[in-house]
PDB file of N, CA and C in Angstrom:
ATOM      1  N   MET A   1     167.850   0.859-127.456  1.00  0.00           N
ATOM      2  CA  MET A   1     168.620  -0.305-127.077  1.00  0.00           C
ATOM      3  C   MET A   1     168.661  -0.393-125.555  1.00  0.00           C
ATOM      4  N   THR A   2     168.350  -1.531-125.042  1.00  0.00           N
ATOM      5  CA  THR A   2     168.317  -1.679-123.601  1.00  0.00           C
ATOM      6  C   THR A   2     169.704  -1.999-123.065  1.00  0.00           C
ATOM      7  N   ILE A   3     169.847  -1.813-121.777  1.00  0.00           N
ATOM      8  CA  ILE A   3     171.131  -2.101-121.133  1.00  0.00           C
ATOM      9  C   ILE A   3     171.449  -3.586-121.258  1.00  0.00           C
ATOM     10  N   ASN A   4     170.442  -4.437-121.081  1.00  0.00           N
ATOM     11  CA  ASN A   4     170.653  -5.880-121.184  1.00  0.00           C
ATOM     12  C   ASN A   4     171.125  -6.260-122.581  1.00  0.00           C
ATOM     13  N   ASN A   5     170.538  -5.636-123.603  1.00  0.00           N
ATOM     14  CA  ASN A   5     170.927  -5.908-124.980  1.00  0.00           C
ATOM     15  C   ASN A   5     172.374  -5.472-125.212  1.00  0.00           C
ATOM     16  N   ASN A   6     172.742  -4.301-124.693  1.00  0.00           N
ATOM     17  CA  ASN A   6     174.128  -3.835-124.817  1.00  0.00           C
ATOM     18  C   ASN A   6     175.081  -4.773-124.094  1.00  0.00           C
ATOM     19  N   SER A   7     174.658  -5.280-122.945  1.00  0.00           N
ATOM     20  CA  SER A   7     175.512  -6.199-122.189  1.00  0.00           C
ATOM     21  C   SER A   7     175.764  -7.473-122.971  1.00  0.00           C
ATOM     22  N   SER A   8     174.724  -8.004-123.606  1.00  0.00           N
ATOM     23  CA  SER A   8     174.914  -9.234-124.372  1.00  0.00           C
ATOM     24  C   SER A   8     175.790  -8.986-125.596  1.00  0.00           C
ATOM     25  N   LYS A   9     175.655  -7.812-126.216  1.00  0.00           N
ATOM     26  CA  LYS A   9     176.507  -7.475-127.361  1.00  0.00           C
ATOM     27  C   LYS A   9     177.954  -7.309-126.915  1.00  0.00           C
ATOM     28  N   HIS A  10     178.141  -6.656-125.781  1.00  0.00           N
ATOM     29  CA  HIS A  10     179.491  -6.479-125.248  1.00  0.00           C
ATOM     30  C   HIS A  10     180.095  -7.831-124.889  1.00  0.00           C
ATOM     31  N   GLN A  11     179.295  -8.718-124.314  1.00  0.00           N
ATOM     32  CA  GLN A  11     179.780 -10.050-123.968  1.00  0.00           C
ATOM     33  C   GLN A  11     180.190 -10.811-125.228  1.00  0.00           C
ATOM     34  N   ARG A  12     179.415 -10.698-126.295  1.00  0.00           N
ATOM     35  CA  ARG A  12     179.736 -11.412-127.538  1.00  0.00           C
ATOM     36  C   ARG A  12     181.016 -10.871-128.171  1.00  0.00           C
ATOM     37  N   ILE A  13     181.190  -9.549-128.157  1.00  0.00           N
ATOM     38  CA  ILE A  13     182.397  -8.970-128.749  1.00  0.00           C
ATOM     39  C   ILE A  13     183.621  -9.384-127.923  1.00  0.00           C
ATOM     40  N   THR A  14     183.454  -9.516-126.617  1.00  0.00           N
ATOM     41  CA  THR A  14     184.538  -9.999-125.759  1.00  0.00           C
ATOM     42  C   THR A  14     184.871 -11.451-126.085  1.00  0.00           C
ATOM     43  N   GLU A  15     183.840 -12.260-126.347  1.00  0.00           N
ATOM     44  CA  GLU A  15     184.070 -13.652-126.740  1.00  0.00           C
ATOM     45  C   GLU A  15     184.860 -13.724-128.046  1.00  0.00           C
ATOM     46  N   LEU A  16     184.550 -12.846-128.990  1.00  0.00           N
ATOM     47  CA  LEU A  16     185.284 -12.831-130.254  1.00  0.00           C
ATOM     48  C   LEU A  16     186.745 -12.439-130.034  1.00  0.00           C
ATOM     49  N   PHE A  17     186.994 -11.454-129.163  1.00  0.00           N
ATOM     50  CA  PHE A  17     188.372 -11.085-128.819  1.00  0.00           C
ATOM     51  C   PHE A  17     189.110 -12.276-128.212  1.00  0.00           C
ATOM     52  N   ASP A  18     188.448 -12.968-127.282  1.00  0.00           N
ATOM     53  CA  ASP A  18     189.075 -14.119-126.630  1.00  0.00           C
ATOM     54  C   ASP A  18     189.388 -15.227-127.631  1.00  0.00           C
ATOM     55  N   LEU A  19     188.485 -15.448-128.573  1.00  0.00           N
ATOM     56  CA  LEU A  19     188.695 -16.457-129.604  1.00  0.00           C
ATOM     57  C   LEU A  19     189.921 -16.122-130.455  1.00  0.00           C
ATOM     58  N   CYS A  20     190.044 -14.864-130.841  1.00  0.00           N
ATOM     59  CA  CYS A  20     191.206 -14.430-131.626  1.00  0.00           C
ATOM     60  C   CYS A  20     192.492 -14.581-130.829  1.00  0.00           C
ATOM     61  N   ARG A  21     192.447 -14.235-129.565  1.00  0.00           N
ATOM     62  CA  ARG A  21     193.629 -14.365-128.714  1.00  0.00           C
ATOM     63  C   ARG A  21     194.041 -15.828-128.601  1.00  0.00           C
ATOM     64  N   GLN A  22     193.060 -16.717-128.442  1.00  0.00           N
ATOM     65  CA  GLN A  22     193.363 -18.138-128.342  1.00  0.00           C
ATOM     66  C   GLN A  22     194.023 -18.640-129.623  1.00  0.00           C
ATOM     67  N   ARG A  23     193.516 -18.228-130.760  1.00  0.00           N
ATOM     68  CA  ARG A  23     194.110 -18.635-132.040  1.00  0.00           C
ATOM     69  C   ARG A  23     195.529 -18.086-132.179  1.00  0.00           C
ATOM     70  N   TYR A  24     195.733 -16.868-131.712  1.00  0.00           N
ATOM     71  CA  TYR A  24     197.059 -16.253-131.729  1.00  0.00           C
ATOM     72  C   TYR A  24     198.036 -17.074-130.887  1.00  0.00           C
ATOM     73  N   LEU A  25     197.601 -17.459-129.690  1.00  0.00           N
ATOM     74  CA  LEU A  25     198.470 -18.232-128.807  1.00  0.00           C
ATOM     75  C   LEU A  25     198.729 -19.632-129.353  1.00  0.00           C
ATOM     76  N   GLU A  26     197.734 -20.231-129.997  1.00  0.00           N
ATOM     77  CA  GLU A  26     197.919 -21.557-130.586  1.00  0.00           C
ATOM     78  C   GLU A  26     198.946 -21.528-131.715  1.00  0.00           C
ATOM     79  N   ALA A  27     199.096 -20.378-132.353  1.00  0.00           N
ATOM     80  CA  ALA A  27     200.078 -20.238-133.431  1.00  0.00           C
ATOM     81  C   ALA A  27     201.464 -19.920-132.882  1.00  0.00           C
ATOM     82  N   GLY A  28     201.612 -19.938-131.573  1.00  0.00           N
ATOM     83  CA  GLY A  28     202.906 -19.682-130.964  1.00  0.00           C
ATOM     84  C   GLY A  28     203.193 -18.213-130.769  1.00  0.00           C
ATOM     85  N   GLY A  29     202.183 -17.380-130.865  1.00  0.00           N
ATOM     86  CA  GLY A  29     202.358 -15.953-130.651  1.00  0.00           C
ATOM     87  C   GLY A  29     202.905 -15.214-131.851  1.00  0.00           C
ATOM     88  N   ASN A  30     202.924 -15.859-133.007  1.00  0.00           N
ATOM     89  CA  ASN A  30     203.380 -15.200-134.227  1.00  0.00           C
ATOM     90  C   ASN A  30     202.238 -14.351-134.775  1.00  0.00           C
ATOM     91  N   PRO A  31     202.369 -13.035-134.762  1.00  0.00           N
ATOM     92  CA  PRO A  31     201.262 -12.184-135.190  1.00  0.00           C
ATOM     93  C   PRO A  31     200.996 -12.223-136.685  1.00  0.00           C
ATOM     94  N   HIS A  32     201.886 -12.818-137.458  1.00  0.00           N
ATOM     95  CA  HIS A  32     201.735 -12.822-138.914  1.00  0.00           C
ATOM     96  C   HIS A  32     201.141 -14.113-139.460  1.00  0.00           C
ATOM     97  N   LYS A  33     200.963 -15.099-138.609  1.00  0.00           N
ATOM     98  CA  LYS A  33     200.498 -16.384-139.118  1.00  0.00           C
ATOM     99  C   LYS A  33     199.633 -17.089-138.079  1.00  0.00           C
ATOM    100  N   SER A  34     198.475 -17.551-138.497  1.00  0.00           N
ATOM    101  CA  SER A  34     197.644 -18.357-137.615  1.00  0.00           C
ATOM    102  C   SER A  34     197.946 -19.830-137.866  1.00  0.00           C
ATOM    103  N   VAL A  35     197.380 -20.698-137.066  1.00  0.00           N
ATOM    104  CA  VAL A  35     197.686 -22.127-137.146  1.00  0.00           C
ATOM    105  C   VAL A  35     197.407 -22.674-138.536  1.00  0.00           C
ATOM    106  N   ASP A  36     196.280 -22.320-139.123  1.00  0.00           N
ATOM    107  CA  ASP A  36     195.926 -22.856-140.437  1.00  0.00           C
ATOM    108  C   ASP A  36     196.306 -21.905-141.573  1.00  0.00           C
ATOM    109  N   CYS A  37     197.206 -20.971-141.303  1.00  0.00           N
ATOM    110  CA  CYS A  37     197.677 -19.991-142.291  1.00  0.00           C
ATOM    111  C   CYS A  37     196.536 -19.130-142.838  1.00  0.00           C
ATOM    112  N   GLN A  38     195.504 -18.983-142.063  1.00  0.00           N
ATOM    113  CA  GLN A  38     194.381 -18.123-142.428  1.00  0.00           C
ATOM    114  C   GLN A  38     194.358 -16.930-141.469  1.00  0.00           C
ATOM    115  N   GLN A  39     193.346 -16.132-141.598  1.00  0.00           N
ATOM    116  CA  GLN A  39     193.191 -14.994-140.705  1.00  0.00           C
ATOM    117  C   GLN A  39     192.775 -15.476-139.318  1.00  0.00           C
ATOM    118  N   TRP A  40     192.901 -14.589-138.331  1.00  0.00           N
ATOM    119  CA  TRP A  40     192.526 -14.924-136.957  1.00  0.00           C
ATOM    120  C   TRP A  40     191.017 -15.062-136.824  1.00  0.00           C
ATOM    121  N   MET A  41     190.268 -14.382-137.700  1.00  0.00           N
ATOM    122  CA  MET A  41     188.809 -14.454-137.670  1.00  0.00           C
ATOM    123  C   MET A  41     188.303 -14.901-139.031  1.00  0.00           C
ATOM    124  N   SER A  42     187.244 -15.683-139.023  1.00  0.00           N
ATOM    125  CA  SER A  42     186.609 -16.043-140.290  1.00  0.00           C
ATOM    126  C   SER A  42     185.857 -14.819-140.810  1.00  0.00           C
ATOM    127  N   GLU A  43     185.433 -14.868-142.049  1.00  0.00           N
ATOM    128  CA  GLU A  43     184.691 -13.738-142.620  1.00  0.00           C
ATOM    129  C   GLU A  43     183.404 -13.479-141.847  1.00  0.00           C
ATOM    130  N   ALA A  44     182.713 -14.543-141.450  1.00  0.00           N
ATOM    131  CA  ALA A  44     181.470 -14.385-140.684  1.00  0.00           C
ATOM    132  C   ALA A  44     181.754 -13.724-139.338  1.00  0.00           C
ATOM    133  N   GLU A  45     182.858 -14.127-138.688  1.00  0.00           N
ATOM    134  CA  GLU A  45     183.222 -13.525-137.403  1.00  0.00           C
ATOM    135  C   GLU A  45     183.602 -12.061-137.574  1.00  0.00           C
ATOM    136  N   LYS A  46     184.305 -11.746-138.644  1.00  0.00           N
ATOM    137  CA  LYS A  46     184.674 -10.350-138.908  1.00  0.00           C
ATOM    138  C   LYS A  46     183.437  -9.484-139.089  1.00  0.00           C
ATOM    139  N   GLN A  47     182.491  -9.982-139.878  1.00  0.00           N
ATOM    140  CA  GLN A  47     181.270  -9.219-140.125  1.00  0.00           C
ATOM    141  C   GLN A  47     180.481  -9.019-138.835  1.00  0.00           C
ATOM    142  N   GLU A  48     180.385 -10.066-138.029  1.00  0.00           N
ATOM    143  CA  GLU A  48     179.677  -9.957-136.754  1.00  0.00           C
ATOM    144  C   GLU A  48     180.374  -8.943-135.846  1.00  0.00           C
ATOM    145  N   PHE A  49     181.703  -9.012-135.798  1.00  0.00           N
ATOM    146  CA  PHE A  49     182.479  -8.094-134.971  1.00  0.00           C
ATOM    147  C   PHE A  49     182.254  -6.640-135.397  1.00  0.00           C
ATOM    148  N   LEU A  50     182.300  -6.392-136.707  1.00  0.00           N
ATOM    149  CA  LEU A  50     182.101  -5.035-137.207  1.00  0.00           C
ATOM    150  C   LEU A  50     180.692  -4.528-136.925  1.00  0.00           C
ATOM    151  N   GLN A  51     179.700  -5.390-137.101  1.00  0.00           N
ATOM    152  CA  GLN A  51     178.321  -4.988-136.833  1.00  0.00           C
ATOM    153  C   GLN A  51     178.118  -4.674-135.355  1.00  0.00           C
ATOM    154  N   LEU A  52     178.661  -5.505-134.489  1.00  0.00           N
ATOM    155  CA  LEU A  52     178.542  -5.252-133.051  1.00  0.00           C
ATOM    156  C   LEU A  52     179.245  -3.954-132.671  1.00  0.00           C
ATOM    157  N   GLY A  53     180.421  -3.734-133.234  1.00  0.00           N
ATOM    158  CA  GLY A  53     181.149  -2.499-132.951  1.00  0.00           C
ATOM    159  C   GLY A  53     180.372  -1.270-133.371  1.00  0.00           C
ATOM    160  N   GLN A  54     179.756  -1.326-134.532  1.00  0.00           N
ATOM    161  CA  GLN A  54     178.963  -0.193-135.009  1.00  0.00           C
ATOM    162  C   GLN A  54     177.746   0.044-134.126  1.00  0.00           C
ATOM    163  N   GLN A  55     177.186  -1.012-133.578  1.00  0.00           N
ATOM    164  CA  GLN A  55     176.017  -0.868-132.720  1.00  0.00           C
ATOM    165  C   GLN A  55     176.384  -0.368-131.328  1.00  0.00           C
ATOM    166  N   LEU A  56     177.559  -0.723-130.848  1.00  0.00           N
ATOM    167  CA  LEU A  56     177.957  -0.366-129.488  1.00  0.00           C
ATOM    168  C   LEU A  56     178.627   0.998-129.384  1.00  0.00           C
ATOM    169  N   ILE A  57     179.281   1.433-130.448  1.00  0.00           N
ATOM    170  CA  ILE A  57     180.029   2.689-130.399  1.00  0.00           C
ATOM    171  C   ILE A  57     179.131   3.837-130.822  1.00  0.00           C
ATOM    172  N   ASP A  58     179.087   4.859-129.998  1.00  0.00           N
ATOM    173  CA  ASP A  58     178.267   6.031-130.274  1.00  0.00           C
ATOM    174  C   ASP A  58     179.106   7.053-131.039  1.00  0.00           C
ATOM    175  N   PRO A  59     178.782   7.318-132.306  1.00  0.00           N
ATOM    176  CA  PRO A  59     179.577   8.258-133.104  1.00  0.00           C
ATOM    177  C   PRO A  59     179.605   9.674-132.517  1.00  0.00           C
ATOM    178  N   GLN A  60     178.554  10.054-131.816  1.00  0.00           N
ATOM    179  CA  GLN A  60     178.519  11.394-131.230  1.00  0.00           C
ATOM    180  C   GLN A  60     179.552  11.530-130.117  1.00  0.00           C
ATOM    181  N   LYS A  61     179.746  10.479-129.333  1.00  0.00           N
ATOM    182  CA  LYS A  61     180.761  10.523-128.276  1.00  0.00           C
ATOM    183  C   LYS A  61     182.155  10.659-128.872  1.00  0.00           C
ATOM    184  N   ILE A  62     182.399   9.978-129.974  1.00  0.00           N
ATOM    185  CA  ILE A  62     183.692  10.080-130.648  1.00  0.00           C
ATOM    186  C   ILE A  62     183.899  11.494-131.171  1.00  0.00           C
ATOM    187  N   ALA A  63     182.874  12.063-131.785  1.00  0.00           N
ATOM    188  CA  ALA A  63     182.972  13.424-132.312  1.00  0.00           C
ATOM    189  C   ALA A  63     183.210  14.427-131.187  1.00  0.00           C
ATOM    190  N   ASP A  64     182.521  14.259-130.063  1.00  0.00           N
ATOM    191  CA  ASP A  64     182.721  15.153-128.919  1.00  0.00           C
ATOM    192  C   ASP A  64     184.146  15.047-128.384  1.00  0.00           C
ATOM    193  N   TYR A  65     184.670  13.831-128.286  1.00  0.00           N
ATOM    194  CA  TYR A  65     186.030  13.626-127.805  1.00  0.00           C
ATOM    195  C   TYR A  65     187.034  14.291-128.737  1.00  0.00           C
ATOM    196  N   GLN A  66     186.846  14.106-130.042  1.00  0.00           N
ATOM    197  CA  GLN A  66     187.764  14.707-131.004  1.00  0.00           C
ATOM    198  C   GLN A  66     187.689  16.226-130.961  1.00  0.00           C
ATOM    199  N   GLN A  67     186.504  16.758-130.744  1.00  0.00           N
ATOM    200  CA  GLN A  67     186.367  18.208-130.668  1.00  0.00           C
ATOM    201  C   GLN A  67     187.095  18.747-129.439  1.00  0.00           C
ATOM    202  N   GLN A  68     187.029  18.023-128.327  1.00  0.00           N
ATOM    203  CA  GLN A  68     187.699  18.456-127.107  1.00  0.00           C
ATOM    204  C   GLN A  68     189.209  18.258-127.173  1.00  0.00           C
ATOM    205  N   ASN A  69     189.647  17.113-127.688  1.00  0.00           N
ATOM    206  CA  ASN A  69     191.052  16.730-127.603  1.00  0.00           C
ATOM    207  C   ASN A  69     191.803  16.773-128.918  1.00  0.00           C
ATOM    208  N   GLY A  70     191.104  16.943-130.012  1.00  0.00           N
ATOM    209  CA  GLY A  70     191.751  16.895-131.310  1.00  0.00           C
ATOM    210  C   GLY A  70     191.912  15.458-131.774  1.00  0.00           C
ATOM    211  N   SER A  71     192.258  15.299-133.019  1.00  0.00           N
ATOM    212  CA  SER A  71     192.437  13.955-133.571  1.00  0.00           C
ATOM    213  C   SER A  71     193.824  13.435-133.208  1.00  0.00           C
ATOM    214  N   TRP A  72     194.083  12.184-133.519  1.00  0.00           N
ATOM    215  CA  TRP A  72     195.406  11.611-133.260  1.00  0.00           C
ATOM    216  C   TRP A  72     196.457  12.306-134.105  1.00  0.00           C
ATOM    217  N   ARG A  73     196.064  12.795-135.287  1.00  0.00           N
ATOM    218  CA  ARG A  73     197.020  13.524-136.130  1.00  0.00           C
ATOM    219  C   ARG A  73     197.436  14.834-135.455  1.00  0.00           C
ATOM    220  N   ASP A  74     196.472  15.498-134.834  1.00  0.00           N
ATOM    221  CA  ASP A  74     196.787  16.734-134.117  1.00  0.00           C
ATOM    222  C   ASP A  74     197.743  16.459-132.958  1.00  0.00           C
ATOM    223  N   GLN A  75     197.520  15.347-132.250  1.00  0.00           N
ATOM    224  CA  GLN A  75     198.385  14.995-131.123  1.00  0.00           C
ATOM    225  C   GLN A  75     199.815  14.721-131.585  1.00  0.00           C
ATOM    226  N   ILE A  76     199.958  14.043-132.716  1.00  0.00           N
ATOM    227  CA  ILE A  76     201.295  13.755-133.254  1.00  0.00           C
ATOM    228  C   ILE A  76     201.992  15.043-133.663  1.00  0.00           C
ATOM    229  N   LYS A  77     201.261  15.959-134.280  1.00  0.00           N
ATOM    230  CA  LYS A  77     201.854  17.244-134.667  1.00  0.00           C
ATOM    231  C   LYS A  77     202.347  18.003-133.445  1.00  0.00           C
ATOM    232  N   LEU A  78     201.589  17.947-132.351  1.00  0.00           N
ATOM    233  CA  LEU A  78     202.012  18.618-131.127  1.00  0.00           C
ATOM    234  C   LEU A  78     203.290  17.992-130.567  1.00  0.00           C
ATOM    235  N   ILE A  79     203.373  16.681-130.615  1.00  0.00           N
ATOM    236  CA  ILE A  79     204.550  15.986-130.092  1.00  0.00           C
ATOM    237  C   ILE A  79     205.782  16.296-130.940  1.00  0.00           C
ATOM    238  N   GLN A  80     205.611  16.345-132.253  1.00  0.00           N
ATOM    239  CA  GLN A  80     206.739  16.561-133.153  1.00  0.00           C
ATOM    240  C   GLN A  80     207.231  18.003-133.151  1.00  0.00           C
ATOM    241  N   SER A  81     206.384  18.922-132.764  1.00  0.00           N
ATOM    242  CA  SER A  81     206.819  20.331-132.795  1.00  0.00           C
ATOM    243  C   SER A  81     207.552  20.736-131.541  1.00  0.00           C
TER     244      SER A  81
END
């Protein structure tokens, strides 16, 4: 994957975030209801978002981070103890 390709994917995922934010604001900021009483993203937008996320996120980096820092469950256990 080239840097340019990653940039365009990142730009598209940012556009999807902005679109959802705009719909949220049009609904008056109510997180439980969109203007047309539907979801913030259409099914096609959700699928595109998930596919882009899977392509942009490196699972090895996540695994390395978790190995170094522990999972969020481990962090909560540390805080509670």
